[in-house]
PDB file of N, CA and C in Angstrom:
ATOM      1  N   UNK A   1    -138.706  82.864 109.781  1.00  0.00           N
ATOM      2  CA  UNK A   1    -137.765  81.891 110.292  1.00  0.00           C
ATOM      3  C   UNK A   1    -136.428  82.581 110.445  1.00  0.00           C
ATOM      4  N   UNK A   2    -135.885  82.611 111.626  1.00  0.00           N
ATOM      5  CA  UNK A   2    -134.596  83.279 111.751  1.00  0.00           C
ATOM      6  C   UNK A   2    -133.499  82.371 111.254  1.00  0.00           C
ATOM      7  N   UNK A   3    -132.284  82.939 111.068  1.00  0.00           N
ATOM      8  CA  UNK A   3    -131.204  82.213 110.430  1.00  0.00           C
ATOM      9  C   UNK A   3    -130.756  80.996 111.220  1.00  0.00           C
ATOM     10  N   UNK A   4    -131.011  80.948 112.530  1.00  0.00           N
ATOM     11  CA  UNK A   4    -130.579  79.826 113.339  1.00  0.00           C
ATOM     12  C   UNK A   4    -131.531  78.642 113.225  1.00  0.00           C
ATOM     13  N   UNK A   5    -132.763  78.890 112.787  1.00  0.00           N
ATOM     14  CA  UNK A   5    -133.709  77.807 112.607  1.00  0.00           C
ATOM     15  C   UNK A   5    -133.415  77.106 111.291  1.00  0.00           C
ATOM     16  N   UNK A   6    -133.615  75.805 111.285  1.00  0.00           N
ATOM     17  CA  UNK A   6    -133.424  75.041 110.071  1.00  0.00           C
ATOM     18  C   UNK A   6    -134.754  74.439 109.650  1.00  0.00           C
ATOM     19  N   UNK A   7    -134.800  74.056 108.401  1.00  0.00           N
ATOM     20  CA  UNK A   7    -135.997  73.375 107.931  1.00  0.00           C
ATOM     21  C   UNK A   7    -136.169  72.074 108.696  1.00  0.00           C
ATOM     22  N   UNK A   8    -137.395  71.744 108.939  1.00  0.00           N
ATOM     23  CA  UNK A   8    -137.722  70.465 109.559  1.00  0.00           C
ATOM     24  C   UNK A   8    -138.783  69.811 108.685  1.00  0.00           C
ATOM     25  N   UNK A   9    -139.051  68.535 108.893  1.00  0.00           N
ATOM     26  CA  UNK A   9    -140.074  67.898 108.041  1.00  0.00           C
ATOM     27  C   UNK A   9    -141.382  68.680 108.080  1.00  0.00           C
ATOM     28  N   UNK A  10    -141.976  68.814 106.923  1.00  0.00           N
ATOM     29  CA  UNK A  10    -143.249  69.527 106.831  1.00  0.00           C
ATOM     30  C   UNK A  10    -144.354  68.707 107.472  1.00  0.00           C
ATOM     31  N   UNK A  11    -145.260  69.389 108.108  1.00  0.00           N
ATOM     32  CA  UNK A  11    -146.458  68.725 108.614  1.00  0.00           C
ATOM     33  C   UNK A  11    -147.347  68.398 107.406  1.00  0.00           C
ATOM     34  N   UNK A  12    -148.329  67.535 107.566  1.00  0.00           N
ATOM     35  CA  UNK A  12    -149.247  67.277 106.445  1.00  0.00           C
ATOM     36  C   UNK A  12    -149.916  68.561 105.942  1.00  0.00           C
ATOM     37  N   UNK A  13    -150.304  69.430 106.844  1.00  0.00           N
ATOM     38  CA  UNK A  13    -150.940  70.691 106.431  1.00  0.00           C
ATOM     39  C   UNK A  13    -149.948  71.568 105.666  1.00  0.00           C
ATOM     40  N   UNK A  14    -148.702  71.622 106.110  1.00  0.00           N
ATOM     41  CA  UNK A  14    -147.680  72.409 105.418  1.00  0.00           C
ATOM     42  C   UNK A  14    -147.386  71.823 104.034  1.00  0.00           C
ATOM     43  N   UNK A  15    -147.347  70.508 103.940  1.00  0.00           N
ATOM     44  CA  UNK A  15    -147.120  69.849 102.640  1.00  0.00           C
ATOM     45  C   UNK A  15    -148.233  70.197 101.656  1.00  0.00           C
ATOM     46  N   UNK A  16    -149.458  70.168 102.136  1.00  0.00           N
ATOM     47  CA  UNK A  16    -150.600  70.482 101.280  1.00  0.00           C
ATOM     48  C   UNK A  16    -150.546  71.953 100.858  1.00  0.00           C
ATOM     49  N   UNK A  17    -150.214  72.843 101.793  1.00  0.00           N
ATOM     50  CA  UNK A  17    -150.107  74.270 101.497  1.00  0.00           C
ATOM     51  C   UNK A  17    -148.987  74.508 100.484  1.00  0.00           C
ATOM     52  N   UNK A  18    -147.843  73.850 100.681  1.00  0.00           N
ATOM     53  CA  UNK A  18    -146.706  74.001  99.766  1.00  0.00           C
ATOM     54  C   UNK A  18    -147.084  73.539  98.362  1.00  0.00           C
ATOM     55  N   UNK A  19    -147.780  72.429  98.255  1.00  0.00           N
ATOM     56  CA  UNK A  19    -148.190  71.922  96.949  1.00  0.00           C
ATOM     57  C   UNK A  19    -149.179  72.874  96.280  1.00  0.00           C
ATOM     58  N   UNK A  20    -150.088  73.411  97.058  1.00  0.00           N
ATOM     59  CA  UNK A  20    -151.119  74.303  96.517  1.00  0.00           C
ATOM     60  C   UNK A  20    -150.524  75.601  95.968  1.00  0.00           C
ATOM     61  N   UNK A  21    -149.430  76.061  96.552  1.00  0.00           N
ATOM     62  CA  UNK A  21    -148.838  77.348  96.155  1.00  0.00           C
ATOM     63  C   UNK A  21    -147.509  77.200  95.409  1.00  0.00           C
ATOM     64  N   UNK A  22    -147.200  75.985  94.981  1.00  0.00           N
ATOM     65  CA  UNK A  22    -145.909  75.703  94.346  1.00  0.00           C
ATOM     66  C   UNK A  22    -145.647  76.551  93.106  1.00  0.00           C
ATOM     67  N   UNK A  23    -146.687  77.001  92.446  1.00  0.00           N
ATOM     68  CA  UNK A  23    -146.511  77.843  91.263  1.00  0.00           C
ATOM     69  C   UNK A  23    -145.731  79.117  91.571  1.00  0.00           C
ATOM     70  N   UNK A  24    -145.716  79.542  92.841  1.00  0.00           N
ATOM     71  CA  UNK A  24    -144.948  80.735  93.215  1.00  0.00           C
ATOM     72  C   UNK A  24    -143.461  80.557  92.943  1.00  0.00           C
ATOM     73  N   UNK A  25    -142.978  79.342  93.053  1.00  0.00           N
ATOM     74  CA  UNK A  25    -141.552  79.079  92.790  1.00  0.00           C
ATOM     75  C   UNK A  25    -141.241  79.412  91.334  1.00  0.00           C
ATOM     76  N   UNK A  26    -142.075  78.944  90.431  1.00  0.00           N
ATOM     77  CA  UNK A  26    -141.849  79.199  89.012  1.00  0.00           C
ATOM     78  C   UNK A  26    -142.099  80.661  88.661  1.00  0.00           C
ATOM     79  N   UNK A  27    -143.072  81.286  89.311  1.00  0.00           N
ATOM     80  CA  UNK A  27    -143.287  82.727  89.101  1.00  0.00           C
ATOM     81  C   UNK A  27    -142.059  83.513  89.546  1.00  0.00           C
ATOM     82  N   UNK A  28    -141.469  83.125  90.673  1.00  0.00           N
ATOM     83  CA  UNK A  28    -140.266  83.805  91.165  1.00  0.00           C
ATOM     84  C   UNK A  28    -139.110  83.627  90.171  1.00  0.00           C
ATOM     85  N   UNK A  29    -138.874  82.391  89.743  1.00  0.00           N
ATOM     86  CA  UNK A  29    -137.781  82.134  88.798  1.00  0.00           C
ATOM     87  C   UNK A  29    -137.975  82.943  87.519  1.00  0.00           C
ATOM     88  N   UNK A  30    -139.195  82.940  86.986  1.00  0.00           N
ATOM     89  CA  UNK A  30    -139.484  83.669  85.756  1.00  0.00           C
ATOM     90  C   UNK A  30    -139.331  85.183  85.953  1.00  0.00           C
ATOM     91  N   UNK A  31    -139.860  85.704  87.056  1.00  0.00           N
ATOM     92  CA  UNK A  31    -139.801  87.154  87.316  1.00  0.00           C
ATOM     93  C   UNK A  31    -138.363  87.646  87.458  1.00  0.00           C
ATOM     94  N   UNK A  32    -137.477  86.761  87.885  1.00  0.00           N
ATOM     95  CA  UNK A  32    -136.084  87.151  88.101  1.00  0.00           C
ATOM     96  C   UNK A  32    -135.142  86.610  87.032  1.00  0.00           C
ATOM     97  N   UNK A  33    -135.721  86.080  85.953  1.00  0.00           N
ATOM     98  CA  UNK A  33    -134.934  85.544  84.832  1.00  0.00           C
ATOM     99  C   UNK A  33    -133.864  84.557  85.293  1.00  0.00           C
ATOM    100  N   UNK A  34    -134.242  83.665  86.191  1.00  0.00           N
ATOM    101  CA  UNK A  34    -133.303  82.668  86.712  1.00  0.00           C
ATOM    102  C   UNK A  34    -133.573  81.333  86.032  1.00  0.00           C
ATOM    103  N   UNK A  35    -132.518  80.697  85.513  1.00  0.00           N
ATOM    104  CA  UNK A  35    -132.740  79.401  84.862  1.00  0.00           C
ATOM    105  C   UNK A  35    -133.165  78.342  85.871  1.00  0.00           C
ATOM    106  N   UNK A  36    -134.263  77.674  85.565  1.00  0.00           N
ATOM    107  CA  UNK A  36    -134.817  76.666  86.465  1.00  0.00           C
ATOM    108  C   UNK A  36    -133.800  75.576  86.790  1.00  0.00           C
ATOM    109  N   UNK A  37    -133.061  75.115  85.779  1.00  0.00           N
ATOM    110  CA  UNK A  37    -132.125  74.012  85.989  1.00  0.00           C
ATOM    111  C   UNK A  37    -130.997  74.367  86.961  1.00  0.00           C
ATOM    112  N   UNK A  38    -130.687  75.632  87.101  1.00  0.00           N
ATOM    113  CA  UNK A  38    -129.632  76.039  88.038  1.00  0.00           C
ATOM    114  C   UNK A  38    -130.190  76.487  89.385  1.00  0.00           C
ATOM    115  N   UNK A  39    -131.308  77.171  89.404  1.00  0.00           N
ATOM    116  CA  UNK A  39    -131.765  77.820  90.627  1.00  0.00           C
ATOM    117  C   UNK A  39    -132.909  77.129  91.367  1.00  0.00           C
ATOM    118  N   UNK A  40    -133.634  76.240  90.706  1.00  0.00           N
ATOM    119  CA  UNK A  40    -134.797  75.633  91.366  1.00  0.00           C
ATOM    120  C   UNK A  40    -134.416  74.987  92.694  1.00  0.00           C
ATOM    121  N   UNK A  41    -133.381  74.153  92.690  1.00  0.00           N
ATOM    122  CA  UNK A  41    -133.029  73.426  93.909  1.00  0.00           C
ATOM    123  C   UNK A  41    -132.556  74.350  95.021  1.00  0.00           C
ATOM    124  N   UNK A  42    -132.180  75.559  94.677  1.00  0.00           N
ATOM    125  CA  UNK A  42    -131.765  76.530  95.688  1.00  0.00           C
ATOM    126  C   UNK A  42    -132.966  77.304  96.234  1.00  0.00           C
ATOM    127  N   UNK A  43    -133.794  77.835  95.336  1.00  0.00           N
ATOM    128  CA  UNK A  43    -134.907  78.665  95.801  1.00  0.00           C
ATOM    129  C   UNK A  43    -136.015  77.849  96.451  1.00  0.00           C
ATOM    130  N   UNK A  44    -136.113  76.566  96.124  1.00  0.00           N
ATOM    131  CA  UNK A  44    -137.151  75.755  96.758  1.00  0.00           C
ATOM    132  C   UNK A  44    -136.917  75.680  98.263  1.00  0.00           C
ATOM    133  N   UNK A  45    -135.668  75.753  98.699  1.00  0.00           N
ATOM    134  CA  UNK A  45    -135.382  75.744 100.140  1.00  0.00           C
ATOM    135  C   UNK A  45    -135.925  77.006 100.810  1.00  0.00           C
ATOM    136  N   UNK A  46    -135.776  78.139 100.141  1.00  0.00           N
ATOM    137  CA  UNK A  46    -136.359  79.371 100.661  1.00  0.00           C
ATOM    138  C   UNK A  46    -137.876  79.301 100.675  1.00  0.00           C
ATOM    139  N   UNK A  47    -138.440  78.696  99.632  1.00  0.00           N
ATOM    140  CA  UNK A  47    -139.891  78.537  99.551  1.00  0.00           C
ATOM    141  C   UNK A  47    -140.400  77.682 100.703  1.00  0.00           C
ATOM    142  N   UNK A  48    -139.753  76.553 100.949  1.00  0.00           N
ATOM    143  CA  UNK A  48    -140.186  75.666 102.032  1.00  0.00           C
ATOM    144  C   UNK A  48    -140.010  76.326 103.399  1.00  0.00           C
ATOM    145  N   UNK A  49    -138.952  77.113 103.547  1.00  0.00           N
ATOM    146  CA  UNK A  49    -138.772  77.868 104.792  1.00  0.00           C
ATOM    147  C   UNK A  49    -139.918  78.858 104.972  1.00  0.00           C
ATOM    148  N   UNK A  50    -140.361  79.474 103.867  1.00  0.00           N
ATOM    149  CA  UNK A  50    -141.483  80.417 103.933  1.00  0.00           C
ATOM    150  C   UNK A  50    -142.773  79.693 104.317  1.00  0.00           C
ATOM    151  N   UNK A  51    -142.979  78.508 103.769  1.00  0.00           N
ATOM    152  CA  UNK A  51    -144.169  77.723 104.118  1.00  0.00           C
ATOM    153  C   UNK A  51    -144.184  77.455 105.617  1.00  0.00           C
ATOM    154  N   UNK A  52    -143.059  77.008 106.144  1.00  0.00           N
ATOM    155  CA  UNK A  52    -142.993  76.710 107.576  1.00  0.00           C
ATOM    156  C   UNK A  52    -143.172  77.966 108.416  1.00  0.00           C
ATOM    157  N   UNK A  53    -142.481  79.028 108.032  1.00  0.00           N
ATOM    158  CA  UNK A  53    -142.577  80.268 108.809  1.00  0.00           C
ATOM    159  C   UNK A  53    -144.011  80.795 108.792  1.00  0.00           C
ATOM    160  N   UNK A  54    -144.620  80.807 107.630  1.00  0.00           N
ATOM    161  CA  UNK A  54    -145.986  81.314 107.503  1.00  0.00           C
ATOM    162  C   UNK A  54    -146.956  80.509 108.372  1.00  0.00           C
ATOM    163  N   UNK A  55    -146.788  79.202 108.361  1.00  0.00           N
ATOM    164  CA  UNK A  55    -147.678  78.335 109.131  1.00  0.00           C
ATOM    165  C   UNK A  55    -147.435  78.452 110.630  1.00  0.00           C
ATOM    166  N   UNK A  56    -146.191  78.677 111.003  1.00  0.00           N
ATOM    167  CA  UNK A  56    -145.841  78.642 112.420  1.00  0.00           C
ATOM    168  C   UNK A  56    -145.911  79.993 113.118  1.00  0.00           C
ATOM    169  N   UNK A  57    -146.077  81.076 112.351  1.00  0.00           N
ATOM    170  CA  UNK A  57    -146.246  82.392 112.969  1.00  0.00           C
ATOM    171  C   UNK A  57    -147.650  82.492 113.559  1.00  0.00           C
ATOM    172  N   UNK A  58    -147.788  83.234 114.638  1.00  0.00           N
ATOM    173  CA  UNK A  58    -149.142  83.437 115.182  1.00  0.00           C
ATOM    174  C   UNK A  58    -150.022  84.143 114.144  1.00  0.00           C
ATOM    175  N   UNK A  59    -151.301  83.803 114.073  1.00  0.00           N
ATOM    176  CA  UNK A  59    -152.189  84.347 113.039  1.00  0.00           C
ATOM    177  C   UNK A  59    -152.173  85.865 112.862  1.00  0.00           C
ATOM    178  N   UNK A  60    -152.128  86.687 113.917  1.00  0.00           N
ATOM    179  CA  UNK A  60    -152.156  88.128 113.645  1.00  0.00           C
ATOM    180  C   UNK A  60    -150.921  88.635 112.907  1.00  0.00           C
ATOM    181  N   UNK A  61    -149.813  87.878 112.905  1.00  0.00           N
ATOM    182  CA  UNK A  61    -148.574  88.330 112.271  1.00  0.00           C
ATOM    183  C   UNK A  61    -148.376  87.737 110.891  1.00  0.00           C
ATOM    184  N   UNK A  62    -149.272  86.905 110.413  1.00  0.00           N
ATOM    185  CA  UNK A  62    -149.037  86.168 109.180  1.00  0.00           C
ATOM    186  C   UNK A  62    -148.923  87.050 107.939  1.00  0.00           C
ATOM    187  N   UNK A  63    -149.892  87.872 107.672  1.00  0.00           N
ATOM    188  CA  UNK A  63    -149.845  88.681 106.456  1.00  0.00           C
ATOM    189  C   UNK A  63    -149.994  87.824 105.213  1.00  0.00           C
ATOM    190  N   UNK A  64    -149.554  88.356 104.090  1.00  0.00           N
ATOM    191  CA  UNK A  64    -149.650  87.641 102.821  1.00  0.00           C
ATOM    192  C   UNK A  64    -148.495  86.673 102.656  1.00  0.00           C
ATOM    193  N   UNK A  65    -148.790  85.499 102.105  1.00  0.00           N
ATOM    194  CA  UNK A  65    -147.749  84.500 101.891  1.00  0.00           C
ATOM    195  C   UNK A  65    -146.812  84.832 100.726  1.00  0.00           C
ATOM    196  N   UNK A  66    -147.308  85.254  99.555  1.00  0.00           N
ATOM    197  CA  UNK A  66    -146.386  85.481  98.434  1.00  0.00           C
ATOM    198  C   UNK A  66    -145.218  86.428  98.733  1.00  0.00           C
ATOM    199  N   UNK A  67    -145.422  87.576  99.396  1.00  0.00           N
ATOM    200  CA  UNK A  67    -144.258  88.428  99.680  1.00  0.00           C
ATOM    201  C   UNK A  67    -143.222  87.734 100.577  1.00  0.00           C
ATOM    202  N   UNK A  68    -143.687  86.967 101.549  1.00  0.00           N
ATOM    203  CA  UNK A  68    -142.768  86.227 102.410  1.00  0.00           C
ATOM    204  C   UNK A  68    -142.003  85.190 101.595  1.00  0.00           C
ATOM    205  N   UNK A  69    -142.715  84.445 100.746  1.00  0.00           N
ATOM    206  CA  UNK A  69    -142.071  83.429  99.914  1.00  0.00           C
ATOM    207  C   UNK A  69    -141.039  84.061  98.984  1.00  0.00           C
ATOM    208  N   UNK A  70    -141.391  85.168  98.346  1.00  0.00           N
ATOM    209  CA  UNK A  70    -140.447  85.826  97.439  1.00  0.00           C
ATOM    210  C   UNK A  70    -139.228  86.334  98.199  1.00  0.00           C
ATOM    211  N   UNK A  71    -139.422  86.863  99.390  1.00  0.00           N
ATOM    212  CA  UNK A  71    -138.288  87.366 100.176  1.00  0.00           C
ATOM    213  C   UNK A  71    -137.332  86.236 100.557  1.00  0.00           C
ATOM    214  N   UNK A  72    -137.873  85.104 100.985  1.00  0.00           N
ATOM    215  CA  UNK A  72    -137.005  83.999 101.390  1.00  0.00           C
ATOM    216  C   UNK A  72    -136.392  83.298 100.182  1.00  0.00           C
ATOM    217  N   UNK A  73    -137.100  83.264  99.052  1.00  0.00           N
ATOM    218  CA  UNK A  73    -136.487  82.721  97.830  1.00  0.00           C
ATOM    219  C   UNK A  73    -135.384  83.648  97.341  1.00  0.00           C
ATOM    220  N   UNK A  74    -135.600  84.953  97.481  1.00  0.00           N
ATOM    221  CA  UNK A  74    -134.572  85.937  97.137  1.00  0.00           C
ATOM    222  C   UNK A  74    -133.314  85.715  97.971  1.00  0.00           C
ATOM    223  N   UNK A  75    -133.490  85.516  99.257  1.00  0.00           N
ATOM    224  CA  UNK A  75    -132.351  85.285 100.147  1.00  0.00           C
ATOM    225  C   UNK A  75    -131.623  84.000  99.757  1.00  0.00           C
ATOM    226  N   UNK A  76    -132.367  82.964  99.418  1.00  0.00           N
ATOM    227  CA  UNK A  76    -131.744  81.696  99.018  1.00  0.00           C
ATOM    228  C   UNK A  76    -130.977  81.858  97.707  1.00  0.00           C
ATOM    229  N   UNK A  77    -131.558  82.559  96.739  1.00  0.00           N
ATOM    230  CA  UNK A  77    -130.882  82.781  95.454  1.00  0.00           C
ATOM    231  C   UNK A  77    -129.629  83.623  95.653  1.00  0.00           C
ATOM    232  N   UNK A  78    -129.717  84.632  96.500  1.00  0.00           N
ATOM    233  CA  UNK A  78    -128.564  85.490  96.773  1.00  0.00           C
ATOM    234  C   UNK A  78    -127.429  84.705  97.436  1.00  0.00           C
ATOM    235  N   UNK A  79    -127.768  83.886  98.400  1.00  0.00           N
ATOM    236  CA  UNK A  79    -126.747  83.052  99.063  1.00  0.00           C
ATOM    237  C   UNK A  79    -126.087  82.116  98.069  1.00  0.00           C
ATOM    238  N   UNK A  80    -126.903  81.527  97.199  1.00  0.00           N
ATOM    239  CA  UNK A  80    -126.360  80.622  96.184  1.00  0.00           C
ATOM    240  C   UNK A  80    -125.406  81.366  95.253  1.00  0.00           C
ATOM    241  N   UNK A  81    -125.808  82.561  94.781  1.00  0.00           N
ATOM    242  CA  UNK A  81    -124.946  83.334  93.881  1.00  0.00           C
ATOM    243  C   UNK A  81    -123.608  83.669  94.543  1.00  0.00           C
ATOM    244  N   UNK A  82    -123.666  84.086  95.806  1.00  0.00           N
ATOM    245  CA  UNK A  82    -122.435  84.438  96.517  1.00  0.00           C
ATOM    246  C   UNK A  82    -121.504  83.238  96.629  1.00  0.00           C
ATOM    247  N   UNK A  83    -122.057  82.091  96.991  1.00  0.00           N
ATOM    248  CA  UNK A  83    -121.238  80.885  97.117  1.00  0.00           C
ATOM    249  C   UNK A  83    -120.700  80.445  95.755  1.00  0.00           C
ATOM    250  N   UNK A  84    -121.540  80.496  94.729  1.00  0.00           N
ATOM    251  CA  UNK A  84    -121.108  80.136  93.370  1.00  0.00           C
ATOM    252  C   UNK A  84    -119.980  81.050  92.908  1.00  0.00           C
ATOM    253  N   UNK A  85    -120.129  82.354  93.143  1.00  0.00           N
ATOM    254  CA  UNK A  85    -119.105  83.306  92.726  1.00  0.00           C
ATOM    255  C   UNK A  85    -117.814  83.118  93.518  1.00  0.00           C
ATOM    256  N   UNK A  86    -117.951  82.802  94.810  1.00  0.00           N
ATOM    257  CA  UNK A  86    -116.767  82.558  95.629  1.00  0.00           C
ATOM    258  C   UNK A  86    -116.007  81.338  95.115  1.00  0.00           C
ATOM    259  N   UNK A  87    -116.720  80.285  94.778  1.00  0.00           N
ATOM    260  CA  UNK A  87    -116.080  79.072  94.257  1.00  0.00           C
ATOM    261  C   UNK A  87    -115.422  79.335  92.908  1.00  0.00           C
ATOM    262  N   UNK A  88    -116.090  80.106  92.056  1.00  0.00           N
ATOM    263  CA  UNK A  88    -115.502  80.438  90.750  1.00  0.00           C
ATOM    264  C   UNK A  88    -114.233  81.257  90.925  1.00  0.00           C
ATOM    265  N   UNK A  89    -114.242  82.204  91.856  1.00  0.00           N
ATOM    266  CA  UNK A  89    -113.059  83.028  92.110  1.00  0.00           C
ATOM    267  C   UNK A  89    -111.916  82.158  92.611  1.00  0.00           C
ATOM    268  N   UNK A  90    -112.201  81.254  93.532  1.00  0.00           N
ATOM    269  CA  UNK A  90    -111.167  80.350  94.030  1.00  0.00           C
ATOM    270  C   UNK A  90    -110.635  79.461  92.921  1.00  0.00           C
ATOM    271  N   UNK A  91    -111.514  78.978  92.061  1.00  0.00           N
ATOM    272  CA  UNK A  91    -111.105  78.122  90.954  1.00  0.00           C
ATOM    273  C   UNK A  91    -110.201  78.890  89.997  1.00  0.00           C
ATOM    274  N   UNK A  92    -110.561  80.142  89.691  1.00  0.00           N
ATOM    275  CA  UNK A  92    -109.746  80.959  88.791  1.00  0.00           C
ATOM    276  C   UNK A  92    -108.395  81.246  89.427  1.00  0.00           C
ATOM    277  N   UNK A  93    -108.359  81.484  90.733  1.00  0.00           N
ATOM    278  CA  UNK A  93    -107.100  81.744  91.417  1.00  0.00           C
ATOM    279  C   UNK A  93    -106.189  80.525  91.338  1.00  0.00           C
ATOM    280  N   UNK A  94    -106.753  79.344  91.511  1.00  0.00           N
ATOM    281  CA  UNK A  94    -105.966  78.119  91.412  1.00  0.00           C
ATOM    282  C   UNK A  94    -105.451  77.909  89.991  1.00  0.00           C
ATOM    283  N   UNK A  95    -106.270  78.254  89.000  1.00  0.00           N
ATOM    284  CA  UNK A  95    -105.824  78.129  87.613  1.00  0.00           C
ATOM    285  C   UNK A  95    -104.680  79.081  87.325  1.00  0.00           C
ATOM    286  N   UNK A  96    -104.740  80.287  87.856  1.00  0.00           N
ATOM    287  CA  UNK A  96    -103.663  81.258  87.655  1.00  0.00           C
ATOM    288  C   UNK A  96    -102.362  80.755  88.270  1.00  0.00           C
ATOM    289  N   UNK A  97    -102.429  80.180  89.453  1.00  0.00           N
ATOM    290  CA  UNK A  97    -101.238  79.636  90.105  1.00  0.00           C
ATOM    291  C   UNK A  97    -100.658  78.510  89.260  1.00  0.00           C
ATOM    292  N   UNK A  98    -101.516  77.638  88.744  1.00  0.00           N
ATOM    293  CA  UNK A  98    -101.056  76.528  87.908  1.00  0.00           C
ATOM    294  C   UNK A  98    -100.391  77.033  86.641  1.00  0.00           C
ATOM    295  N   UNK A  99    -100.964  78.050  86.019  1.00  0.00           N
ATOM    296  CA  UNK A  99    -100.379  78.616  84.800  1.00  0.00           C
ATOM    297  C   UNK A  99     -99.022  79.243  85.092  1.00  0.00           C
ATOM    298  N   UNK A 100     -98.888  79.939  86.219  1.00  0.00           N
ATOM    299  CA  UNK A 100     -97.602  80.529  86.591  1.00  0.00           C
ATOM    300  C   UNK A 100     -96.560  79.445  86.832  1.00  0.00           C
ATOM    301  N   UNK A 101     -96.974  78.373  87.497  1.00  0.00           N
ATOM    302  CA  UNK A 101     -96.052  77.276  87.762  1.00  0.00           C
ATOM    303  C   UNK A 101     -95.597  76.638  86.469  1.00  0.00           C
ATOM    304  N   UNK A 102     -96.514  76.493  85.510  1.00  0.00           N
ATOM    305  CA  UNK A 102     -96.143  75.922  84.213  1.00  0.00           C
ATOM    306  C   UNK A 102     -95.179  76.850  83.483  1.00  0.00           C
ATOM    307  N   UNK A 103     -95.379  78.153  83.592  1.00  0.00           N
ATOM    308  CA  UNK A 103     -94.508  79.108  82.917  1.00  0.00           C
ATOM    309  C   UNK A 103     -93.108  79.066  83.514  1.00  0.00           C
ATOM    310  N   UNK A 104     -92.995  78.932  84.827  1.00  0.00           N
ATOM    311  CA  UNK A 104     -91.699  78.864  85.479  1.00  0.00           C
ATOM    312  C   UNK A 104     -90.983  77.552  85.165  1.00  0.00           C
ATOM    313  N   UNK A 105     -91.738  76.498  84.972  1.00  0.00           N
ATOM    314  CA  UNK A 105     -91.133  75.183  84.715  1.00  0.00           C
ATOM    315  C   UNK A 105     -90.596  75.101  83.289  1.00  0.00           C
ATOM    316  N   UNK A 106     -91.113  75.927  82.393  1.00  0.00           N
ATOM    317  CA  UNK A 106     -90.706  75.854  80.990  1.00  0.00           C
ATOM    318  C   UNK A 106     -89.365  76.472  80.732  1.00  0.00           C
TER     319      UNK A 106
END
């Protein structure tokens, strides 16, 4: 699935395939030491994108599903980390400005 494509509702066959292979999500989280409560909702989007891509690619190009799923979950986790870190940096910058303002006001 290229970056311009978005997830769309799963077909019944895709839903069944996703349910059958859902354990890959937990294997990915465990293999990468990612806390489920923080990362599940992020990597599941990569997993579902992999389900759609795998189903929608022509059969000769399909290959194995787990490597595709892990690659797209990796991309989703990486995007989440970057955004989380960016927000934390912005939050810390705002806190520093507030502390400086308090110091000047005193």
